[in-house]
Amino acid sequence: MKKPWISTLLNFFFMGPGYIYNGKRPLLGVFWTVAAIGLTYVELQIQEIDMTLYGIMFASVFVANTCFAIDGYREAKALNQK
């Protein structure tokens, strides 16, 4: 029995681990996790940050992680109903 709230939190705070936790699409979770690590690395290498672009990037990541969290929650609920 998967706990939807765990999948939700994992996918909200870091892309991908919620899929790994659910076990239905673990390879997708691994790819998203690797991509998130790569994006974080690039973000940390930027020396001069334009605050407008940083705001756009933050909003984009927030929206994406919210969508991942919703999908992880729905997937865990569907797995529990089977």
PDB file of N, CA and C in Angstrom:
ATOM      1  N   MET A   1       0.841  -1.178   0.000  1.00  0.00           N
ATOM      2  CA  MET A   1       0.000   0.000   0.000  1.00  0.00           C
ATOM      3  C   MET A   1       0.890   1.246   0.000  1.00  0.00           C
ATOM      4  N   LYS A   2       0.764   2.041  -1.033  1.00  0.00           N
ATOM      5  CA  LYS A   2       1.556   3.268  -1.156  1.00  0.00           C
ATOM      6  C   LYS A   2       0.827   4.419  -0.476  1.00  0.00           C
ATOM      7  N   LYS A   3       1.594   5.277   0.172  1.00  0.00           N
ATOM      8  CA  LYS A   3       1.027   6.444   0.830  1.00  0.00           C
ATOM      9  C   LYS A   3       1.126   7.628  -0.129  1.00  0.00           C
ATOM     10  N   PRO A   4      -0.015   8.114  -0.639  1.00  0.00           N
ATOM     11  CA  PRO A   4       0.005   9.207  -1.616  1.00  0.00           C
ATOM     12  C   PRO A   4       0.728  10.458  -1.133  1.00  0.00           C
ATOM     13  N   TRP A   5       0.667  10.759   0.150  1.00  0.00           N
ATOM     14  CA  TRP A   5       1.300  11.976   0.642  1.00  0.00           C
ATOM     15  C   TRP A   5       2.822  11.891   0.551  1.00  0.00           C
ATOM     16  N   ILE A   6       3.373  10.682   0.665  1.00  0.00           N
ATOM     17  CA  ILE A   6       4.834  10.529   0.525  1.00  0.00           C
ATOM     18  C   ILE A   6       5.245  10.794  -0.921  1.00  0.00           C
ATOM     19  N   SER A   7       4.512  10.217  -1.851  1.00  0.00           N
ATOM     20  CA  SER A   7       4.787  10.446  -3.270  1.00  0.00           C
ATOM     21  C   SER A   7       4.653  11.927  -3.617  1.00  0.00           C
ATOM     22  N   THR A   8       3.637  12.571  -3.056  1.00  0.00           N
ATOM     23  CA  THR A   8       3.411  13.995  -3.299  1.00  0.00           C
ATOM     24  C   THR A   8       4.592  14.830  -2.811  1.00  0.00           C
ATOM     25  N   LEU A   9       5.022  14.598  -1.585  1.00  0.00           N
ATOM     26  CA  LEU A   9       6.143  15.370  -1.042  1.00  0.00           C
ATOM     27  C   LEU A   9       7.441  15.111  -1.796  1.00  0.00           C
ATOM     28  N   LEU A  10       7.698  13.854  -2.128  1.00  0.00           N
ATOM     29  CA  LEU A  10       8.925  13.536  -2.860  1.00  0.00           C
ATOM     30  C   LEU A  10       8.963  14.251  -4.205  1.00  0.00           C
ATOM     31  N   ASN A  11       7.849  14.215  -4.937  1.00  0.00           N
ATOM     32  CA  ASN A  11       7.820  14.859  -6.251  1.00  0.00           C
ATOM     33  C   ASN A  11       7.757  16.373  -6.159  1.00  0.00           C
ATOM     34  N   PHE A  12       7.224  16.917  -5.076  1.00  0.00           N
ATOM     35  CA  PHE A  12       7.154  18.378  -4.974  1.00  0.00           C
ATOM     36  C   PHE A  12       8.527  18.977  -4.678  1.00  0.00           C
ATOM     37  N   PHE A  13       9.248  18.369  -3.746  1.00  0.00           N
ATOM     38  CA  PHE A  13      10.517  18.960  -3.345  1.00  0.00           C
ATOM     39  C   PHE A  13      11.676  18.594  -4.258  1.00  0.00           C
ATOM     40  N   PHE A  14      11.537  17.518  -5.024  1.00  0.00           N
ATOM     41  CA  PHE A  14      12.598  17.149  -5.956  1.00  0.00           C
ATOM     42  C   PHE A  14      11.979  16.289  -7.050  1.00  0.00           C
ATOM     43  N   MET A  15      12.149  16.667  -8.281  1.00  0.00           N
ATOM     44  CA  MET A  15      11.508  15.964  -9.393  1.00  0.00           C
ATOM     45  C   MET A  15      11.930  14.505  -9.468  1.00  0.00           C
ATOM     46  N   GLY A  16      10.960  13.591  -9.505  1.00  0.00           N
ATOM     47  CA  GLY A  16      11.247  12.197  -9.798  1.00  0.00           C
ATOM     48  C   GLY A  16      11.148  11.164  -8.705  1.00  0.00           C
ATOM     49  N   PRO A  17      11.592  11.427  -7.487  1.00  0.00           N
ATOM     50  CA  PRO A  17      11.591  10.358  -6.480  1.00  0.00           C
ATOM     51  C   PRO A  17      10.210   9.788  -6.148  1.00  0.00           C
ATOM     52  N   GLY A  18       9.170  10.566  -6.352  1.00  0.00           N
ATOM     53  CA  GLY A  18       7.820  10.053  -6.104  1.00  0.00           C
ATOM     54  C   GLY A  18       7.471   8.903  -7.036  1.00  0.00           C
ATOM     55  N   TYR A  19       7.957   8.970  -8.268  1.00  0.00           N
ATOM     56  CA  TYR A  19       7.736   7.881  -9.220  1.00  0.00           C
ATOM     57  C   TYR A  19       8.526   6.642  -8.814  1.00  0.00           C
ATOM     58  N   ILE A  20       9.730   6.862  -8.320  1.00  0.00           N
ATOM     59  CA  ILE A  20      10.540   5.738  -7.852  1.00  0.00           C
ATOM     60  C   ILE A  20       9.855   5.079  -6.659  1.00  0.00           C
ATOM     61  N   TYR A  21       9.338   5.892  -5.738  1.00  0.00           N
ATOM     62  CA  TYR A  21       8.630   5.374  -4.571  1.00  0.00           C
ATOM     63  C   TYR A  21       7.402   4.558  -4.991  1.00  0.00           C
ATOM     64  N   ASN A  22       6.635   5.072  -5.952  1.00  0.00           N
ATOM     65  CA  ASN A  22       5.426   4.359  -6.398  1.00  0.00           C
ATOM     66  C   ASN A  22       5.771   3.044  -7.088  1.00  0.00           C
ATOM     67  N   GLY A  23       6.899   2.998  -7.768  1.00  0.00           N
ATOM     68  CA  GLY A  23       7.338   1.774  -8.418  1.00  0.00           C
ATOM     69  C   GLY A  23       6.682   1.483  -9.751  1.00  0.00           C
ATOM     70  N   LYS A  24       5.780   2.334 -10.203  1.00  0.00           N
ATOM     71  CA  LYS A  24       5.099   2.082 -11.472  1.00  0.00           C
ATOM     72  C   LYS A  24       5.942   2.555 -12.658  1.00  0.00           C
ATOM     73  N   ARG A  25       6.566   3.710 -12.520  1.00  0.00           N
ATOM     74  CA  ARG A  25       7.420   4.264 -13.574  1.00  0.00           C
ATOM     75  C   ARG A  25       8.768   4.683 -12.986  1.00  0.00           C
ATOM     76  N   PRO A  26       9.518   3.735 -12.444  1.00  0.00           N
ATOM     77  CA  PRO A  26      10.778   4.111 -11.769  1.00  0.00           C
ATOM     78  C   PRO A  26      11.822   4.681 -12.724  1.00  0.00           C
ATOM     79  N   LEU A  27      11.862   4.206 -13.958  1.00  0.00           N
ATOM     80  CA  LEU A  27      12.849   4.723 -14.904  1.00  0.00           C
ATOM     81  C   LEU A  27      12.575   6.202 -15.200  1.00  0.00           C
ATOM     82  N   LEU A  28      11.314   6.564 -15.324  1.00  0.00           N
ATOM     83  CA  LEU A  28      10.953   7.973 -15.510  1.00  0.00           C
ATOM     84  C   LEU A  28      11.417   8.789 -14.305  1.00  0.00           C
ATOM     85  N   GLY A  29      11.232   8.238 -13.121  1.00  0.00           N
ATOM     86  CA  GLY A  29      11.686   8.921 -11.910  1.00  0.00           C
ATOM     87  C   GLY A  29      13.184   9.128 -11.891  1.00  0.00           C
ATOM     88  N   VAL A  30      13.917   8.137 -12.325  1.00  0.00           N
ATOM     89  CA  VAL A  30      15.381   8.257 -12.380  1.00  0.00           C
ATOM     90  C   VAL A  30      15.781   9.343 -13.375  1.00  0.00           C
ATOM     91  N   PHE A  31      15.158   9.358 -14.555  1.00  0.00           N
ATOM     92  CA  PHE A  31      15.487  10.377 -15.561  1.00  0.00           C
ATOM     93  C   PHE A  31      15.191  11.782 -15.046  1.00  0.00           C
ATOM     94  N   TRP A  32      14.034  11.974 -14.405  1.00  0.00           N
ATOM     95  CA  TRP A  32      13.681  13.288 -13.867  1.00  0.00           C
ATOM     96  C   TRP A  32      14.635  13.691 -12.746  1.00  0.00           C
ATOM     97  N   THR A  33      15.039  12.752 -11.932  1.00  0.00           N
ATOM     98  CA  THR A  33      15.964  13.050 -10.840  1.00  0.00           C
ATOM     99  C   THR A  33      17.320  13.479 -11.392  1.00  0.00           C
ATOM    100  N   VAL A  34      17.821  12.766 -12.388  1.00  0.00           N
ATOM    101  CA  VAL A  34      19.101  13.131 -13.016  1.00  0.00           C
ATOM    102  C   VAL A  34      18.989  14.508 -13.670  1.00  0.00           C
ATOM    103  N   ALA A  35      17.878  14.773 -14.336  1.00  0.00           N
ATOM    104  CA  ALA A  35      17.671  16.085 -14.961  1.00  0.00           C
ATOM    105  C   ALA A  35      17.643  17.193 -13.909  1.00  0.00           C
ATOM    106  N   ALA A  36      16.986  16.943 -12.779  1.00  0.00           N
ATOM    107  CA  ALA A  36      16.916  17.942 -11.707  1.00  0.00           C
ATOM    108  C   ALA A  36      18.300  18.216 -11.129  1.00  0.00           C
ATOM    109  N   ILE A  37      19.104  17.177 -10.974  1.00  0.00           N
ATOM    110  CA  ILE A  37      20.472  17.365 -10.482  1.00  0.00           C
ATOM    111  C   ILE A  37      21.278  18.206 -11.470  1.00  0.00           C
ATOM    112  N   GLY A  38      21.124  17.917 -12.752  1.00  0.00           N
ATOM    113  CA  GLY A  38      21.816  18.702 -13.780  1.00  0.00           C
ATOM    114  C   GLY A  38      21.390  20.163 -13.777  1.00  0.00           C
ATOM    115  N   LEU A  39      20.094  20.418 -13.661  1.00  0.00           N
ATOM    116  CA  LEU A  39      19.601  21.799 -13.618  1.00  0.00           C
ATOM    117  C   LEU A  39      20.100  22.530 -12.376  1.00  0.00           C
ATOM    118  N   THR A  40      20.135  21.829 -11.256  1.00  0.00           N
ATOM    119  CA  THR A  40      20.636  22.436 -10.022  1.00  0.00           C
ATOM    120  C   THR A  40      22.113  22.782 -10.163  1.00  0.00           C
ATOM    121  N   TYR A  41      22.882  21.894 -10.775  1.00  0.00           N
ATOM    122  CA  TYR A  41      24.299  22.161 -10.997  1.00  0.00           C
ATOM    123  C   TYR A  41      24.487  23.410 -11.853  1.00  0.00           C
ATOM    124  N   VAL A  42      23.732  23.508 -12.952  1.00  0.00           N
ATOM    125  CA  VAL A  42      23.845  24.673 -13.838  1.00  0.00           C
ATOM    126  C   VAL A  42      23.459  25.941 -13.087  1.00  0.00           C
ATOM    127  N   GLU A  43      22.384  25.871 -12.306  1.00  0.00           N
ATOM    128  CA  GLU A  43      21.939  27.036 -11.548  1.00  0.00           C
ATOM    129  C   GLU A  43      23.016  27.512 -10.570  1.00  0.00           C
ATOM    130  N   LEU A  44      23.687  26.590  -9.935  1.00  0.00           N
ATOM    131  CA  LEU A  44      24.714  26.960  -8.961  1.00  0.00           C
ATOM    132  C   LEU A  44      25.986  27.497  -9.621  1.00  0.00           C
ATOM    133  N   GLN A  45      26.169  27.236 -10.911  1.00  0.00           N
ATOM    134  CA  GLN A  45      27.357  27.716 -11.618  1.00  0.00           C
ATOM    135  C   GLN A  45      27.185  29.131 -12.149  1.00  0.00           C
ATOM    136  N   ILE A  46      25.970  29.641 -12.170  1.00  0.00           N
ATOM    137  CA  ILE A  46      25.716  30.989 -12.686  1.00  0.00           C
ATOM    138  C   ILE A  46      26.286  32.004 -11.704  1.00  0.00           C
ATOM    139  N   GLN A  47      27.155  32.879 -12.202  1.00  0.00           N
ATOM    140  CA  GLN A  47      27.820  33.851 -11.335  1.00  0.00           C
ATOM    141  C   GLN A  47      26.965  35.100 -11.109  1.00  0.00           C
ATOM    142  N   GLU A  48      26.438  35.654 -12.174  1.00  0.00           N
ATOM    143  CA  GLU A  48      25.610  36.855 -12.063  1.00  0.00           C
ATOM    144  C   GLU A  48      24.166  36.467 -12.342  1.00  0.00           C
ATOM    145  N   ILE A  49      23.304  36.731 -11.386  1.00  0.00           N
ATOM    146  CA  ILE A  49      21.910  36.327 -11.521  1.00  0.00           C
ATOM    147  C   ILE A  49      21.051  37.556 -11.792  1.00  0.00           C
ATOM    148  N   ASP A  50      20.363  37.522 -12.915  1.00  0.00           N
ATOM    149  CA  ASP A  50      19.366  38.544 -13.225  1.00  0.00           C
ATOM    150  C   ASP A  50      18.106  38.159 -12.450  1.00  0.00           C
ATOM    151  N   MET A  51      17.682  38.998 -11.533  1.00  0.00           N
ATOM    152  CA  MET A  51      16.571  38.654 -10.648  1.00  0.00           C
ATOM    153  C   MET A  51      15.277  38.397 -11.407  1.00  0.00           C
ATOM    154  N   THR A  52      15.089  39.021 -12.556  1.00  0.00           N
ATOM    155  CA  THR A  52      13.894  38.754 -13.358  1.00  0.00           C
ATOM    156  C   THR A  52      13.913  37.328 -13.871  1.00  0.00           C
ATOM    157  N   LEU A  53      15.061  36.918 -14.399  1.00  0.00           N
ATOM    158  CA  LEU A  53      15.181  35.551 -14.895  1.00  0.00           C
ATOM    159  C   LEU A  53      15.106  34.544 -13.754  1.00  0.00           C
ATOM    160  N   TYR A  54      15.655  34.895 -12.597  1.00  0.00           N
ATOM    161  CA  TYR A  54      15.586  34.007 -11.443  1.00  0.00           C
ATOM    162  C   TYR A  54      14.138  33.818 -11.004  1.00  0.00           C
ATOM    163  N   GLY A  55      13.358  34.893 -11.030  1.00  0.00           N
ATOM    164  CA  GLY A  55      11.937  34.806 -10.692  1.00  0.00           C
ATOM    165  C   GLY A  55      11.176  33.918 -11.655  1.00  0.00           C
ATOM    166  N   ILE A  56      11.475  34.043 -12.942  1.00  0.00           N
ATOM    167  CA  ILE A  56      10.836  33.205 -13.950  1.00  0.00           C
ATOM    168  C   ILE A  56      11.228  31.744 -13.736  1.00  0.00           C
ATOM    169  N   MET A  57      12.507  31.508 -13.456  1.00  0.00           N
ATOM    170  CA  MET A  57      12.971  30.142 -13.224  1.00  0.00           C
ATOM    171  C   MET A  57      12.312  29.551 -11.975  1.00  0.00           C
ATOM    172  N   PHE A  58      12.231  30.323 -10.901  1.00  0.00           N
ATOM    173  CA  PHE A  58      11.607  29.841  -9.672  1.00  0.00           C
ATOM    174  C   PHE A  58      10.139  29.500  -9.912  1.00  0.00           C
ATOM    175  N   ALA A  59       9.427  30.376 -10.603  1.00  0.00           N
ATOM    176  CA  ALA A  59       8.008  30.129 -10.889  1.00  0.00           C
ATOM    177  C   ALA A  59       7.837  28.884 -11.760  1.00  0.00           C
ATOM    178  N   SER A  60       8.707  28.715 -12.735  1.00  0.00           N
ATOM    179  CA  SER A  60       8.626  27.542 -13.615  1.00  0.00           C
ATOM    180  C   SER A  60       8.858  26.250 -12.849  1.00  0.00           C
ATOM    181  N   VAL A  61       9.855  26.240 -11.994  1.00  0.00           N
ATOM    182  CA  VAL A  61      10.144  25.048 -11.198  1.00  0.00           C
ATOM    183  C   VAL A  61       9.002  24.771 -10.221  1.00  0.00           C
ATOM    184  N   PHE A  62       8.438  25.820  -9.629  1.00  0.00           N
ATOM    185  CA  PHE A  62       7.311  25.645  -8.709  1.00  0.00           C
ATOM    186  C   PHE A  62       6.114  25.021  -9.420  1.00  0.00           C
ATOM    187  N   VAL A  63       5.790  25.515 -10.606  1.00  0.00           N
ATOM    188  CA  VAL A  63       4.666  24.965 -11.372  1.00  0.00           C
ATOM    189  C   VAL A  63       4.955  23.515 -11.764  1.00  0.00           C
ATOM    190  N   ALA A  64       6.163  23.247 -12.251  1.00  0.00           N
ATOM    191  CA  ALA A  64       6.519  21.881 -12.657  1.00  0.00           C
ATOM    192  C   ALA A  64       6.453  20.926 -11.467  1.00  0.00           C
ATOM    193  N   ASN A  65       7.011  21.319 -10.330  1.00  0.00           N
ATOM    194  CA  ASN A  65       6.999  20.440  -9.161  1.00  0.00           C
ATOM    195  C   ASN A  65       5.591  20.241  -8.620  1.00  0.00           C
ATOM    196  N   THR A  66       4.748  21.247  -8.727  1.00  0.00           N
ATOM    197  CA  THR A  66       3.350  21.088  -8.321  1.00  0.00           C
ATOM    198  C   THR A  66       2.660  20.062  -9.215  1.00  0.00           C
ATOM    199  N   CYS A  67       2.914  20.124 -10.508  1.00  0.00           N
ATOM    200  CA  CYS A  67       2.335  19.140 -11.433  1.00  0.00           C
ATOM    201  C   CYS A  67       2.863  17.735 -11.138  1.00  0.00           C
ATOM    202  N   PHE A  68       4.159  17.614 -10.865  1.00  0.00           N
ATOM    203  CA  PHE A  68       4.731  16.313 -10.500  1.00  0.00           C
ATOM    204  C   PHE A  68       4.093  15.785  -9.222  1.00  0.00           C
ATOM    205  N   ALA A  69       3.875  16.662  -8.254  1.00  0.00           N
ATOM    206  CA  ALA A  69       3.276  16.253  -6.983  1.00  0.00           C
ATOM    207  C   ALA A  69       1.851  15.748  -7.186  1.00  0.00           C
ATOM    208  N   ILE A  70       1.075  16.459  -7.986  1.00  0.00           N
ATOM    209  CA  ILE A  70      -0.306  16.037  -8.267  1.00  0.00           C
ATOM    210  C   ILE A  70      -0.306  14.690  -8.980  1.00  0.00           C
ATOM    211  N   ASP A  71       0.576  14.535  -9.956  1.00  0.00           N
ATOM    212  CA  ASP A  71       0.637  13.268 -10.698  1.00  0.00           C
ATOM    213  C   ASP A  71       1.077  12.118  -9.794  1.00  0.00           C
ATOM    214  N   GLY A  72       2.062  12.368  -8.941  1.00  0.00           N
ATOM    215  CA  GLY A  72       2.512  11.325  -8.017  1.00  0.00           C
ATOM    216  C   GLY A  72       1.411  10.916  -7.055  1.00  0.00           C
ATOM    217  N   TYR A  73       0.644  11.885  -6.576  1.00  0.00           N
ATOM    218  CA  TYR A  73      -0.476  11.604  -5.675  1.00  0.00           C
ATOM    219  C   TYR A  73      -1.529  10.748  -6.381  1.00  0.00           C
ATOM    220  N   ARG A  74      -1.901  11.156  -7.577  1.00  0.00           N
ATOM    221  CA  ARG A  74      -2.918  10.410  -8.335  1.00  0.00           C
ATOM    222  C   ARG A  74      -2.446   8.999  -8.667  1.00  0.00           C
ATOM    223  N   GLU A  75      -1.177   8.874  -9.009  1.00  0.00           N
ATOM    224  CA  GLU A  75      -0.639   7.556  -9.334  1.00  0.00           C
ATOM    225  C   GLU A  75      -0.661   6.637  -8.114  1.00  0.00           C
ATOM    226  N   ALA A  76      -0.276   7.154  -6.961  1.00  0.00           N
ATOM    227  CA  ALA A  76      -0.294   6.345  -5.732  1.00  0.00           C
ATOM    228  C   ALA A  76      -1.721   5.938  -5.371  1.00  0.00           C
ATOM    229  N   LYS A  77      -2.669   6.858  -5.521  1.00  0.00           N
ATOM    230  CA  LYS A  77      -4.076   6.530  -5.239  1.00  0.00           C
ATOM    231  C   LYS A  77      -4.574   5.435  -6.174  1.00  0.00           C
ATOM    232  N   ALA A  78      -4.223   5.540  -7.465  1.00  0.00           N
ATOM    233  CA  ALA A  78      -4.650   4.536  -8.445  1.00  0.00           C
ATOM    234  C   ALA A  78      -4.028   3.175  -8.129  1.00  0.00           C
ATOM    235  N   LEU A  79      -2.756   3.164  -7.721  1.00  0.00           N
ATOM    236  CA  LEU A  79      -2.104   1.914  -7.362  1.00  0.00           C
ATOM    237  C   LEU A  79      -2.781   1.265  -6.159  1.00  0.00           C
ATOM    238  N   ASN A  80      -3.224   2.070  -5.220  1.00  0.00           N
ATOM    239  CA  ASN A  80      -3.883   1.541  -4.020  1.00  0.00           C
ATOM    240  C   ASN A  80      -5.277   0.990  -4.316  1.00  0.00           C
ATOM    241  N   GLN A  81      -5.920   1.495  -5.358  1.00  0.00           N
ATOM    242  CA  GLN A  81      -7.266   1.027  -5.692  1.00  0.00           C
ATOM    243  C   GLN A  81      -7.261  -0.306  -6.416  1.00  0.00           C
ATOM    244  N   LYS A  82      -6.107  -0.686  -6.953  1.00  0.00           N
ATOM    245  CA  LYS A  82      -6.017  -1.959  -7.692  1.00  0.00           C
ATOM    246  C   LYS A  82      -5.902  -3.120  -6.754  1.00  0.00           C
TER     247      LYS A  82
END
